[in-house]
C-alpha cells in the first residue's frame, strides 16, 4: 500500500536531508521556505507563466475553451464553461528514475 506523506512529514524529511549543510535550520524555516515556494509557483501560473523545475518537471497552465456537452441522464445539450487547470510534465531523467532506468 502506498503511503501518503503529510506536510509535517515532508518538512521533517527536508530538514533531515539538509541538516548536515545547515545545522541551524529549524522546522519553521523549512515550512516557511516550502510555503513560499508553492505560493511563488501558484502566482507564476496565475500570471500565465511556465514554471520549470530542472530534473523534476514543468508546471504549466492549461486552458479549456467553452464547449457543448450532453447531460448523461437526459441527453440534453449543456454548455460546459471555459476553465483553467495546471498541467505537469515529468522531466525525462526523473521519469527514467521512476521506471528503473
N, C-alpha and C. Protein backbone atom coordinates (compact mmCIF):
# COMPACT_ATOMS: atom_id res chain seq x y z
N UNK A 1 0.84 -1.19 0.00
CA UNK A 1 0.00 0.00 0.00
C UNK A 1 0.88 1.24 0.00
N UNK A 2 0.52 2.23 -0.78
CA UNK A 2 1.27 3.47 -0.89
C UNK A 2 0.98 4.36 0.30
N UNK A 3 2.04 4.95 0.85
CA UNK A 3 1.88 5.86 1.98
C UNK A 3 1.68 7.28 1.47
N UNK A 4 0.79 8.00 2.09
CA UNK A 4 0.56 9.41 1.76
C UNK A 4 1.33 10.25 2.77
N UNK A 5 2.26 11.04 2.28
CA UNK A 5 3.11 11.87 3.12
C UNK A 5 2.35 13.12 3.56
N UNK A 6 2.39 13.44 4.85
CA UNK A 6 1.77 14.66 5.33
C UNK A 6 2.75 15.82 5.15
N UNK A 7 2.23 17.03 5.28
CA UNK A 7 3.09 18.21 5.15
C UNK A 7 4.18 18.19 6.22
N UNK A 8 3.83 17.84 7.45
CA UNK A 8 4.83 17.81 8.52
C UNK A 8 5.89 16.74 8.29
N UNK A 9 5.49 15.59 7.75
CA UNK A 9 6.47 14.54 7.43
C UNK A 9 7.42 15.01 6.33
N UNK A 10 6.89 15.72 5.35
CA UNK A 10 7.72 16.27 4.28
C UNK A 10 8.71 17.29 4.84
N UNK A 11 8.24 18.16 5.71
CA UNK A 11 9.11 19.16 6.34
C UNK A 11 10.20 18.48 7.15
N UNK A 12 9.84 17.45 7.92
CA UNK A 12 10.83 16.70 8.70
C UNK A 12 11.89 16.06 7.79
N UNK A 13 11.45 15.50 6.67
CA UNK A 13 12.39 14.84 5.75
C UNK A 13 13.35 15.85 5.12
N UNK A 14 12.83 17.00 4.72
CA UNK A 14 13.69 18.04 4.13
C UNK A 14 14.68 18.53 5.17
N UNK A 15 14.21 18.77 6.38
CA UNK A 15 15.10 19.23 7.45
C UNK A 15 16.21 18.21 7.70
N UNK A 16 15.87 16.93 7.72
CA UNK A 16 16.86 15.87 7.93
C UNK A 16 17.89 15.85 6.80
N UNK A 17 17.43 16.02 5.56
CA UNK A 17 18.34 15.96 4.42
C UNK A 17 19.32 17.13 4.36
N UNK A 18 18.92 18.29 4.87
CA UNK A 18 19.83 19.44 4.79
C UNK A 18 20.52 19.75 6.12
N UNK A 19 20.29 18.93 7.13
CA UNK A 19 20.84 19.20 8.46
C UNK A 19 22.37 19.26 8.46
N UNK A 20 23.03 18.46 7.62
CA UNK A 20 24.49 18.48 7.56
C UNK A 20 25.03 19.82 7.05
N UNK A 21 24.34 20.38 6.06
CA UNK A 21 24.79 21.64 5.47
C UNK A 21 24.31 22.86 6.25
N UNK A 22 23.15 22.73 6.89
CA UNK A 22 22.57 23.84 7.64
C UNK A 22 22.06 23.35 8.99
N UNK A 23 22.97 23.07 9.94
CA UNK A 23 22.54 22.53 11.23
C UNK A 23 21.65 23.50 12.03
N UNK A 24 21.70 24.79 11.68
CA UNK A 24 20.92 25.79 12.40
C UNK A 24 19.48 25.93 11.89
N UNK A 25 19.13 25.26 10.80
CA UNK A 25 17.79 25.44 10.22
C UNK A 25 16.74 24.76 11.09
N UNK A 26 15.61 25.42 11.22
CA UNK A 26 14.52 24.89 12.04
C UNK A 26 13.39 24.38 11.15
N UNK A 27 12.48 23.64 11.77
CA UNK A 27 11.30 23.17 11.03
C UNK A 27 10.50 24.36 10.54
N UNK A 28 10.44 25.41 11.33
CA UNK A 28 9.70 26.62 10.93
C UNK A 28 10.33 27.25 9.69
N UNK A 29 11.67 27.24 9.61
CA UNK A 29 12.36 27.76 8.43
C UNK A 29 12.00 26.94 7.19
N UNK A 30 12.03 25.63 7.34
CA UNK A 30 11.73 24.74 6.22
C UNK A 30 10.27 24.93 5.78
N UNK A 31 9.36 25.05 6.75
CA UNK A 31 7.95 25.25 6.42
C UNK A 31 7.75 26.59 5.70
N UNK A 32 8.41 27.63 6.16
CA UNK A 32 8.29 28.94 5.52
C UNK A 32 8.83 28.89 4.09
N UNK A 33 9.94 28.20 3.89
CA UNK A 33 10.51 28.06 2.55
C UNK A 33 9.56 27.28 1.65
N UNK A 34 9.01 26.19 2.17
CA UNK A 34 8.06 25.38 1.40
C UNK A 34 6.84 26.20 1.01
N UNK A 35 6.27 26.91 1.96
CA UNK A 35 5.09 27.73 1.68
C UNK A 35 5.40 28.80 0.63
N UNK A 36 6.57 29.43 0.74
CA UNK A 36 6.96 30.47 -0.22
C UNK A 36 7.16 29.88 -1.61
N UNK A 37 7.75 28.69 -1.68
CA UNK A 37 7.96 28.03 -2.97
C UNK A 37 6.63 27.78 -3.67
N UNK A 38 5.69 27.16 -2.96
CA UNK A 38 4.40 26.83 -3.59
C UNK A 38 3.59 28.08 -3.91
N UNK A 39 3.68 29.10 -3.07
CA UNK A 39 2.99 30.36 -3.36
C UNK A 39 3.56 31.01 -4.62
N UNK A 40 4.87 30.98 -4.77
CA UNK A 40 5.52 31.53 -5.96
C UNK A 40 5.08 30.77 -7.21
N UNK A 41 5.03 29.46 -7.13
CA UNK A 41 4.58 28.65 -8.27
C UNK A 41 3.13 29.00 -8.61
N UNK A 42 2.27 29.10 -7.60
CA UNK A 42 0.86 29.48 -7.84
C UNK A 42 0.77 30.84 -8.51
N UNK A 43 1.53 31.83 -8.01
CA UNK A 43 1.49 33.18 -8.58
C UNK A 43 1.97 33.19 -10.03
N UNK A 44 3.06 32.49 -10.30
CA UNK A 44 3.59 32.46 -11.66
C UNK A 44 2.60 31.81 -12.62
N UNK A 45 1.98 30.71 -12.20
CA UNK A 45 0.98 30.05 -13.04
C UNK A 45 -0.24 30.95 -13.24
N UNK A 46 -0.65 31.65 -12.21
CA UNK A 46 -1.79 32.58 -12.32
C UNK A 46 -1.50 33.69 -13.32
N UNK A 47 -0.23 34.05 -13.45
CA UNK A 47 0.17 35.09 -14.41
C UNK A 47 0.42 34.52 -15.80
N UNK A 48 0.16 33.22 -15.99
CA UNK A 48 0.31 32.61 -17.31
C UNK A 48 1.71 32.13 -17.62
N UNK A 49 2.59 32.11 -16.63
CA UNK A 49 3.97 31.69 -16.86
C UNK A 49 4.14 30.19 -16.68
N UNK A 50 5.14 29.64 -17.33
CA UNK A 50 5.52 28.24 -17.18
C UNK A 50 6.57 28.18 -16.08
N UNK A 51 6.48 27.15 -15.21
CA UNK A 51 7.42 27.03 -14.10
C UNK A 51 8.18 25.71 -14.23
N UNK A 52 9.43 25.79 -14.75
CA UNK A 52 10.23 24.57 -14.84
C UNK A 52 11.02 24.34 -13.56
N UNK A 53 11.10 23.09 -13.13
CA UNK A 53 11.94 22.71 -12.01
C UNK A 53 12.90 21.67 -12.55
N UNK A 54 14.14 22.08 -12.85
CA UNK A 54 15.09 21.19 -13.51
C UNK A 54 15.25 19.85 -12.80
N UNK A 55 15.18 18.79 -13.58
CA UNK A 55 15.32 17.45 -13.06
C UNK A 55 14.05 16.89 -12.45
N UNK A 56 13.00 17.70 -12.33
CA UNK A 56 11.75 17.26 -11.73
C UNK A 56 10.60 17.31 -12.74
N UNK A 57 10.37 18.49 -13.33
CA UNK A 57 9.31 18.61 -14.30
C UNK A 57 8.93 20.06 -14.56
N UNK A 58 7.85 20.23 -15.31
CA UNK A 58 7.39 21.56 -15.70
C UNK A 58 5.91 21.71 -15.35
N UNK A 59 5.59 22.80 -14.65
CA UNK A 59 4.20 23.16 -14.38
C UNK A 59 3.79 24.19 -15.42
N UNK A 60 2.63 23.99 -16.04
CA UNK A 60 2.14 24.97 -17.00
C UNK A 60 0.63 25.07 -16.94
N UNK A 61 0.12 26.23 -17.30
CA UNK A 61 -1.32 26.50 -17.29
C UNK A 61 -1.94 25.87 -18.53
N UNK A 62 -3.09 25.21 -18.34
CA UNK A 62 -3.83 24.64 -19.46
C UNK A 62 -5.21 25.28 -19.44
N UNK A 63 -5.60 25.84 -20.57
CA UNK A 63 -6.90 26.49 -20.67
C UNK A 63 -7.81 25.66 -21.58
N UNK A 64 -9.01 25.39 -21.12
CA UNK A 64 -10.02 24.69 -21.91
C UNK A 64 -11.09 25.69 -22.32
N UNK A 65 -11.42 25.70 -23.60
CA UNK A 65 -12.44 26.62 -24.10
C UNK A 65 -13.84 26.14 -23.71
N UNK A 66 -14.79 27.06 -23.74
CA UNK A 66 -16.19 26.69 -23.52
C UNK A 66 -16.59 25.71 -24.61
N UNK A 67 -17.39 24.71 -24.23
CA UNK A 67 -17.80 23.72 -25.21
C UNK A 67 -19.19 23.19 -24.87
N UNK A 68 -19.77 22.52 -25.84
CA UNK A 68 -21.09 21.93 -25.63
C UNK A 68 -20.91 20.46 -25.28
N UNK A 69 -21.61 20.04 -24.24
CA UNK A 69 -21.61 18.64 -23.84
C UNK A 69 -23.04 18.14 -23.76
N UNK A 70 -23.21 16.98 -23.20
CA UNK A 70 -24.55 16.41 -23.05
C UNK A 70 -24.77 15.98 -21.62
N UNK A 71 -25.97 16.21 -21.12
CA UNK A 71 -26.37 15.70 -19.82
C UNK A 71 -26.48 14.18 -19.96
N UNK A 72 -25.72 13.41 -19.18
CA UNK A 72 -25.74 11.96 -19.37
C UNK A 72 -27.08 11.30 -19.04
N UNK A 73 -27.90 11.93 -18.21
CA UNK A 73 -29.19 11.33 -17.86
C UNK A 73 -30.27 11.64 -18.88
N UNK A 74 -30.32 12.90 -19.32
CA UNK A 74 -31.40 13.28 -20.23
C UNK A 74 -30.94 13.35 -21.69
N UNK A 75 -29.65 13.45 -21.93
CA UNK A 75 -29.15 13.58 -23.30
C UNK A 75 -29.25 14.99 -23.84
N UNK A 76 -29.75 15.92 -23.02
CA UNK A 76 -29.89 17.31 -23.48
C UNK A 76 -28.53 17.99 -23.57
N UNK A 77 -28.37 18.87 -24.56
CA UNK A 77 -27.09 19.61 -24.66
C UNK A 77 -26.94 20.60 -23.51
N UNK A 78 -25.73 20.72 -23.00
CA UNK A 78 -25.43 21.70 -21.95
C UNK A 78 -24.14 22.41 -22.34
N UNK A 79 -23.97 23.60 -21.80
CA UNK A 79 -22.75 24.36 -22.05
C UNK A 79 -21.79 24.12 -20.89
N UNK A 80 -20.60 23.68 -21.23
CA UNK A 80 -19.55 23.48 -20.23
C UNK A 80 -18.66 24.71 -20.28
N UNK A 81 -18.55 25.40 -19.16
CA UNK A 81 -17.82 26.67 -19.10
C UNK A 81 -16.33 26.48 -19.38
N UNK A 82 -15.72 27.55 -19.87
CA UNK A 82 -14.26 27.56 -20.04
C UNK A 82 -13.62 27.41 -18.67
N UNK A 83 -12.46 26.79 -18.62
CA UNK A 83 -11.79 26.61 -17.34
C UNK A 83 -10.28 26.58 -17.52
N UNK A 84 -9.60 26.73 -16.40
CA UNK A 84 -8.14 26.66 -16.37
C UNK A 84 -7.74 25.57 -15.40
N UNK A 85 -6.66 24.88 -15.71
CA UNK A 85 -6.10 23.88 -14.81
C UNK A 85 -4.59 23.90 -14.97
N UNK A 86 -3.92 23.14 -14.15
CA UNK A 86 -2.46 23.07 -14.20
C UNK A 86 -2.05 21.71 -14.75
N UNK A 87 -1.14 21.75 -15.67
CA UNK A 87 -0.60 20.53 -16.26
C UNK A 87 0.82 20.37 -15.75
N UNK A 88 1.21 19.13 -15.45
CA UNK A 88 2.56 18.85 -15.01
C UNK A 88 3.17 17.83 -15.95
N UNK A 89 4.33 18.17 -16.52
CA UNK A 89 5.05 17.23 -17.37
C UNK A 89 6.32 16.81 -16.64
N UNK A 90 6.46 15.52 -16.45
CA UNK A 90 7.59 14.95 -15.74
C UNK A 90 8.87 15.10 -16.56
N UNK A 91 9.97 15.48 -15.91
CA UNK A 91 11.26 15.59 -16.58
C UNK A 91 11.77 14.20 -16.97
N UNK A 92 12.43 14.10 -18.11
CA UNK A 92 12.90 12.80 -18.61
C UNK A 92 13.80 12.05 -17.62
N UNK A 93 14.78 12.71 -16.95
CA UNK A 93 15.61 11.97 -16.02
C UNK A 93 14.82 11.41 -14.83
N UNK A 94 13.83 12.16 -14.36
CA UNK A 94 13.01 11.70 -13.25
C UNK A 94 12.14 10.53 -13.69
N UNK A 95 11.58 10.63 -14.89
CA UNK A 95 10.76 9.54 -15.43
C UNK A 95 11.60 8.27 -15.57
N UNK A 96 12.82 8.43 -16.05
CA UNK A 96 13.71 7.28 -16.18
C UNK A 96 14.00 6.66 -14.81
N UNK A 97 14.21 7.49 -13.81
CA UNK A 97 14.47 7.01 -12.45
C UNK A 97 13.27 6.21 -11.92
N UNK A 98 12.08 6.73 -12.14
CA UNK A 98 10.87 6.04 -11.68
C UNK A 98 10.67 4.70 -12.38
N UNK A 99 11.11 4.62 -13.62
CA UNK A 99 10.95 3.40 -14.39
C UNK A 99 12.16 2.49 -14.34
N UNK A 100 13.05 2.74 -13.37
CA UNK A 100 14.19 1.87 -13.17
C UNK A 100 15.32 2.04 -14.15
N UNK A 101 15.36 3.18 -14.83
CA UNK A 101 16.40 3.39 -15.85
C UNK A 101 17.56 4.20 -15.40
